[in-house]
C-alpha cells in the first residue's frame, strides 16, 4: 500500500510512452493534442525513471 504512488506513476509513464509512439490511439484531429502527444515520447520514459528512483529511495518500514 505504501508504493501506490510509484505504481500509478509507472502505469501513467507506460501509457504515455505507448501513446507517444503510437501504440495507443488518441484523437490526433485536434492540433494541440497531437503536439502534446508527440511530447509523450520523452515525458513517458522520464516519468518511468522518476517512479523507479522514488521506489528505490523509499524507506522500507
PDB file of N, CA and C in Angstrom:
ATOM      1  N   UNK A   1       0.817  -1.191   0.000  1.00  0.00           N
ATOM      2  CA  UNK A   1       0.000   0.000   0.000  1.00  0.00           C
ATOM      3  C   UNK A   1       0.862   1.257   0.000  1.00  0.00           C
ATOM      4  N   UNK A   2       2.078   1.163   0.489  1.00  0.00           N
ATOM      5  CA  UNK A   2       2.939   2.334   0.585  1.00  0.00           C
ATOM      6  C   UNK A   2       3.487   2.737  -0.783  1.00  0.00           C
ATOM      7  N   UNK A   3       3.486   1.845  -1.729  1.00  0.00           N
ATOM      8  CA  UNK A   3       4.083   2.119  -3.028  1.00  0.00           C
ATOM      9  C   UNK A   3       3.048   2.466  -4.096  1.00  0.00           C
ATOM     10  N   UNK A   4       1.832   2.814  -3.706  1.00  0.00           N
ATOM     11  CA  UNK A   4       0.764   3.063  -4.667  1.00  0.00           C
ATOM     12  C   UNK A   4       1.091   4.258  -5.570  1.00  0.00           C
ATOM     13  N   UNK A   5       1.738   5.290  -5.045  1.00  0.00           N
ATOM     14  CA  UNK A   5       2.094   6.451  -5.867  1.00  0.00           C
ATOM     15  C   UNK A   5       3.071   6.066  -6.971  1.00  0.00           C
ATOM     16  N   UNK A   6       4.052   5.249  -6.636  1.00  0.00           N
ATOM     17  CA  UNK A   6       5.024   4.832  -7.634  1.00  0.00           C
ATOM     18  C   UNK A   6       4.381   3.924  -8.681  1.00  0.00           C
ATOM     19  N   UNK A   7       3.452   3.087  -8.251  1.00  0.00           N
ATOM     20  CA  UNK A   7       2.762   2.202  -9.193  1.00  0.00           C
ATOM     21  C   UNK A   7       1.927   3.017 -10.166  1.00  0.00           C
ATOM     22  N   UNK A   8       1.231   4.032  -9.662  1.00  0.00           N
ATOM     23  CA  UNK A   8       0.423   4.891 -10.526  1.00  0.00           C
ATOM     24  C   UNK A   8       1.323   5.651 -11.493  1.00  0.00           C
ATOM     25  N   UNK A   9       2.449   6.165 -11.010  1.00  0.00           N
ATOM     26  CA  UNK A   9       3.378   6.891 -11.890  1.00  0.00           C
ATOM     27  C   UNK A   9       3.952   5.961 -12.957  1.00  0.00           C
ATOM     28  N   UNK A  10       4.259   4.741 -12.586  1.00  0.00           N
ATOM     29  CA  UNK A  10       4.797   3.782 -13.537  1.00  0.00           C
ATOM     30  C   UNK A  10       3.776   3.453 -14.625  1.00  0.00           C
ATOM     31  N   UNK A  11       2.536   3.220 -14.228  1.00  0.00           N
ATOM     32  CA  UNK A  11       1.479   2.918 -15.202  1.00  0.00           C
ATOM     33  C   UNK A  11       1.212   4.113 -16.119  1.00  0.00           C
ATOM     34  N   UNK A  12       1.197   5.314 -15.553  1.00  0.00           N
ATOM     35  CA  UNK A  12       0.996   6.513 -16.363  1.00  0.00           C
ATOM     36  C   UNK A  12       2.155   6.700 -17.340  1.00  0.00           C
ATOM     37  N   UNK A  13       3.365   6.417 -16.890  1.00  0.00           N
ATOM     38  CA  UNK A  13       4.522   6.518 -17.778  1.00  0.00           C
ATOM     39  C   UNK A  13       4.470   5.507 -18.906  1.00  0.00           C
ATOM     40  N   UNK A  14       4.030   4.296 -18.605  1.00  0.00           N
ATOM     41  CA  UNK A  14       3.884   3.285 -19.652  1.00  0.00           C
ATOM     42  C   UNK A  14       2.836   3.702 -20.672  1.00  0.00           C
ATOM     43  N   UNK A  15       1.712   4.254 -20.182  1.00  0.00           N
ATOM     44  CA  UNK A  15       0.661   4.707 -21.091  1.00  0.00           C
ATOM     45  C   UNK A  15       1.142   5.878 -21.944  1.00  0.00           C
ATOM     46  N   UNK A  16       1.842   6.828 -21.324  1.00  0.00           N
ATOM     47  CA  UNK A  16       2.332   7.990 -22.069  1.00  0.00           C
ATOM     48  C   UNK A  16       3.328   7.565 -23.143  1.00  0.00           C
ATOM     49  N   UNK A  17       4.197   6.623 -22.815  1.00  0.00           N
ATOM     50  CA  UNK A  17       5.164   6.134 -23.789  1.00  0.00           C
ATOM     51  C   UNK A  17       4.465   5.439 -24.944  1.00  0.00           C
ATOM     52  N   UNK A  18       3.487   4.603 -24.622  1.00  0.00           N
ATOM     53  CA  UNK A  18       2.744   3.898 -25.668  1.00  0.00           C
ATOM     54  C   UNK A  18       1.968   4.874 -26.545  1.00  0.00           C
ATOM     55  N   UNK A  19       1.372   5.895 -25.958  1.00  0.00           N
ATOM     56  CA  UNK A  19       0.637   6.892 -26.740  1.00  0.00           C
ATOM     57  C   UNK A  19       1.587   7.734 -27.582  1.00  0.00           C
ATOM     58  N   UNK A  20       2.744   8.050 -27.046  1.00  0.00           N
ATOM     59  CA  UNK A  20       3.708   8.857 -27.790  1.00  0.00           C
ATOM     60  C   UNK A  20       4.254   8.160 -29.020  1.00  0.00           C
ATOM     61  N   UNK A  21       4.449   6.854 -28.920  1.00  0.00           N
ATOM     62  CA  UNK A  21       4.982   6.107 -30.056  1.00  0.00           C
ATOM     63  C   UNK A  21       3.891   5.496 -30.924  1.00  0.00           C
ATOM     64  N   UNK A  22       2.623   5.773 -30.614  1.00  0.00           N
ATOM     65  CA  UNK A  22       1.523   5.370 -31.478  1.00  0.00           C
ATOM     66  C   UNK A  22       0.945   3.998 -31.220  1.00  0.00           C
ATOM     67  N   UNK A  23       1.307   3.353 -30.127  1.00  0.00           N
ATOM     68  CA  UNK A  23       0.725   2.051 -29.821  1.00  0.00           C
ATOM     69  C   UNK A  23      -0.678   2.181 -29.259  1.00  0.00           C
ATOM     70  N   UNK A  24      -0.988   3.316 -28.658  1.00  0.00           N
ATOM     71  CA  UNK A  24      -2.320   3.619 -28.148  1.00  0.00           C
ATOM     72  C   UNK A  24      -2.840   4.794 -28.956  1.00  0.00           C
ATOM     73  N   UNK A  25      -3.997   4.648 -29.551  1.00  0.00           N
ATOM     74  CA  UNK A  25      -4.538   5.699 -30.401  1.00  0.00           C
ATOM     75  C   UNK A  25      -5.112   6.835 -29.567  1.00  0.00           C
ATOM     76  N   UNK A  26      -4.913   8.052 -30.040  1.00  0.00           N
ATOM     77  CA  UNK A  26      -5.517   9.223 -29.424  1.00  0.00           C
ATOM     78  C   UNK A  26      -6.114  10.085 -30.530  1.00  0.00           C
ATOM     79  N   UNK A  27      -6.896  11.072 -30.146  1.00  0.00           N
ATOM     80  CA  UNK A  27      -7.538  11.940 -31.116  1.00  0.00           C
ATOM     81  C   UNK A  27      -6.499  12.915 -31.686  1.00  0.00           C
ATOM     82  N   UNK A  28      -5.997  12.619 -32.864  1.00  0.00           N
ATOM     83  CA  UNK A  28      -4.963  13.463 -33.459  1.00  0.00           C
ATOM     84  C   UNK A  28      -5.550  14.520 -34.376  1.00  0.00           C
ATOM     85  N   UNK A  29      -6.875  14.662 -34.408  1.00  0.00           N
ATOM     86  CA  UNK A  29      -7.504  15.696 -35.226  1.00  0.00           C
ATOM     87  C   UNK A  29      -7.367  17.074 -34.585  1.00  0.00           C
ATOM     88  N   UNK A  30      -7.200  17.103 -33.263  1.00  0.00           N
ATOM     89  CA  UNK A  30      -7.043  18.362 -32.550  1.00  0.00           C
ATOM     90  C   UNK A  30      -5.558  18.720 -32.566  1.00  0.00           C
ATOM     91  N   UNK A  31      -5.196  19.880 -33.124  1.00  0.00           N
ATOM     92  CA  UNK A  31      -3.759  20.187 -33.298  1.00  0.00           C
ATOM     93  C   UNK A  31      -2.969  20.248 -31.997  1.00  0.00           C
ATOM     94  N   UNK A  32      -3.512  20.853 -30.947  1.00  0.00           N
ATOM     95  CA  UNK A  32      -2.735  20.968 -29.715  1.00  0.00           C
ATOM     96  C   UNK A  32      -2.584  19.613 -29.042  1.00  0.00           C
ATOM     97  N   UNK A  33      -3.563  18.728 -29.223  1.00  0.00           N
ATOM     98  CA  UNK A  33      -3.464  17.394 -28.633  1.00  0.00           C
ATOM     99  C   UNK A  33      -2.444  16.541 -29.388  1.00  0.00           C
ATOM    100  N   UNK A  34      -2.376  16.713 -30.687  1.00  0.00           N
ATOM    101  CA  UNK A  34      -1.377  15.982 -31.475  1.00  0.00           C
ATOM    102  C   UNK A  34       0.032  16.427 -31.084  1.00  0.00           C
ATOM    103  N   UNK A  35       0.216  17.718 -30.856  1.00  0.00           N
ATOM    104  CA  UNK A  35       1.530  18.219 -30.444  1.00  0.00           C
ATOM    105  C   UNK A  35       1.889  17.719 -29.049  1.00  0.00           C
ATOM    106  N   UNK A  36       0.916  17.699 -28.145  1.00  0.00           N
ATOM    107  CA  UNK A  36       1.163  17.202 -26.789  1.00  0.00           C
ATOM    108  C   UNK A  36       1.507  15.718 -26.813  1.00  0.00           C
ATOM    109  N   UNK A  37       0.824  14.961 -27.648  1.00  0.00           N
ATOM    110  CA  UNK A  37       1.078  13.518 -27.731  1.00  0.00           C
ATOM    111  C   UNK A  37       2.488  13.237 -28.224  1.00  0.00           C
ATOM    112  N   UNK A  38       3.021  14.084 -29.095  1.00  0.00           N
ATOM    113  CA  UNK A  38       4.408  13.895 -29.547  1.00  0.00           C
ATOM    114  C   UNK A  38       5.392  14.078 -28.393  1.00  0.00           C
ATOM    115  N   UNK A  39       5.066  14.925 -27.444  1.00  0.00           N
ATOM    116  CA  UNK A  39       5.939  15.116 -26.285  1.00  0.00           C
ATOM    117  C   UNK A  39       5.912  13.924 -25.339  1.00  0.00           C
ATOM    118  N   UNK A  40       4.893  13.082 -25.452  1.00  0.00           N
ATOM    119  CA  UNK A  40       4.815  11.889 -24.610  1.00  0.00           C
ATOM    120  C   UNK A  40       5.972  10.943 -24.867  1.00  0.00           C
ATOM    121  N   UNK A  41       6.638  11.067 -26.012  1.00  0.00           N
ATOM    122  CA  UNK A  41       7.769  10.191 -26.325  1.00  0.00           C
ATOM    123  C   UNK A  41       8.906  10.361 -25.327  1.00  0.00           C
ATOM    124  N   UNK A  42       9.093  11.563 -24.810  1.00  0.00           N
ATOM    125  CA  UNK A  42      10.146  11.764 -23.814  1.00  0.00           C
ATOM    126  C   UNK A  42       9.581  11.900 -22.409  1.00  0.00           C
ATOM    127  N   UNK A  43       8.334  12.349 -22.278  1.00  0.00           N
ATOM    128  CA  UNK A  43       7.756  12.512 -20.935  1.00  0.00           C
ATOM    129  C   UNK A  43       7.428  11.165 -20.295  1.00  0.00           C
ATOM    130  N   UNK A  44       7.012  10.194 -21.087  1.00  0.00           N
ATOM    131  CA  UNK A  44       6.692   8.871 -20.548  1.00  0.00           C
ATOM    132  C   UNK A  44       7.893   8.174 -19.929  1.00  0.00           C
ATOM    133  N   UNK A  45       9.002   8.038 -20.681  1.00  0.00           N
ATOM    134  CA  UNK A  45      10.187   7.421 -20.071  1.00  0.00           C
ATOM    135  C   UNK A  45      10.729   8.205 -18.880  1.00  0.00           C
ATOM    136  N   UNK A  46      10.615   9.532 -18.925  1.00  0.00           N
ATOM    137  CA  UNK A  46      11.056  10.340 -17.785  1.00  0.00           C
ATOM    138  C   UNK A  46      10.216  10.027 -16.548  1.00  0.00           C
ATOM    139  N   UNK A  47       8.909   9.894 -16.726  1.00  0.00           N
ATOM    140  CA  UNK A  47       8.030   9.562 -15.604  1.00  0.00           C
ATOM    141  C   UNK A  47       8.330   8.169 -15.059  1.00  0.00           C
ATOM    142  N   UNK A  48       8.646   7.236 -15.937  1.00  0.00           N
ATOM    143  CA  UNK A  48       9.021   5.884 -15.501  1.00  0.00           C
ATOM    144  C   UNK A  48      10.314   5.934 -14.691  1.00  0.00           C
ATOM    145  N   UNK A  49      11.287   6.700 -15.161  1.00  0.00           N
ATOM    146  CA  UNK A  49      12.559   6.817 -14.443  1.00  0.00           C
ATOM    147  C   UNK A  49      12.366   7.455 -13.073  1.00  0.00           C
ATOM    148  N   UNK A  50      11.531   8.489 -12.995  1.00  0.00           N
ATOM    149  CA  UNK A  50      11.262   9.121 -11.703  1.00  0.00           C
ATOM    150  C   UNK A  50      10.582   8.150 -10.757  1.00  0.00           C
ATOM    151  N   UNK A  51       9.642   7.362 -11.253  1.00  0.00           N
ATOM    152  CA  UNK A  51       8.960   6.382 -10.410  1.00  0.00           C
ATOM    153  C   UNK A  51       9.936   5.347  -9.873  1.00  0.00           C
ATOM    154  N   UNK A  52      10.869   4.908 -10.710  1.00  0.00           N
ATOM    155  CA  UNK A  52      11.845   3.900 -10.263  1.00  0.00           C
ATOM    156  C   UNK A  52      12.788   4.494  -9.224  1.00  0.00           C
ATOM    157  N   UNK A  53      13.235   5.735  -9.458  1.00  0.00           N
ATOM    158  CA  UNK A  53      14.127   6.381  -8.490  1.00  0.00           C
ATOM    159  C   UNK A  53      13.412   6.558  -7.151  1.00  0.00           C
ATOM    160  N   UNK A  54      12.172   6.993  -7.181  1.00  0.00           N
ATOM    161  CA  UNK A  54      11.418   7.158  -5.944  1.00  0.00           C
ATOM    162  C   UNK A  54      11.173   5.824  -5.244  1.00  0.00           C
ATOM    163  N   UNK A  55      10.957   4.782  -6.025  1.00  0.00           N
ATOM    164  CA  UNK A  55      10.766   3.459  -5.450  1.00  0.00           C
ATOM    165  C   UNK A  55      12.026   2.970  -4.751  1.00  0.00           C
ATOM    166  N   UNK A  56      13.168   3.213  -5.377  1.00  0.00           N
ATOM    167  CA  UNK A  56      14.432   2.783  -4.769  1.00  0.00           C
ATOM    168  C   UNK A  56      14.824   3.657  -3.571  1.00  0.00           C
ATOM    169  N   UNK A  57      14.418   4.910  -3.583  1.00  0.00           N
ATOM    170  CA  UNK A  57      14.772   5.812  -2.496  1.00  0.00           C
ATOM    171  C   UNK A  57      13.805   5.761  -1.324  1.00  0.00           C
ATOM    172  N   UNK A  58      12.686   5.071  -1.492  1.00  0.00           N
ATOM    173  CA  UNK A  58      11.673   4.995  -0.430  1.00  0.00           C
ATOM    174  C   UNK A  58      12.216   4.196   0.745  1.00  0.00           C
ATOM    175  N   UNK A  59      12.008   4.714   1.938  1.00  0.00           N
ATOM    176  CA  UNK A  59      12.462   3.944   3.111  1.00  0.00           C
ATOM    177  C   UNK A  59      11.597   2.703   3.313  1.00  0.00           C
ATOM    178  N   UNK A  60      12.226   1.634   3.684  1.00  0.00           N
ATOM    179  CA  UNK A  60      11.482   0.405   3.964  1.00  0.00           C
ATOM    180  C   UNK A  60      11.090   0.389   5.424  1.00  0.00           C
ATOM    181  N   UNK A  61       9.821   0.148   5.642  1.00  0.00           N
ATOM    182  CA  UNK A  61       9.320   0.163   7.022  1.00  0.00           C
ATOM    183  C   UNK A  61       9.096  -1.229   7.541  1.00  0.00           C
TER     184      UNK A  61
END
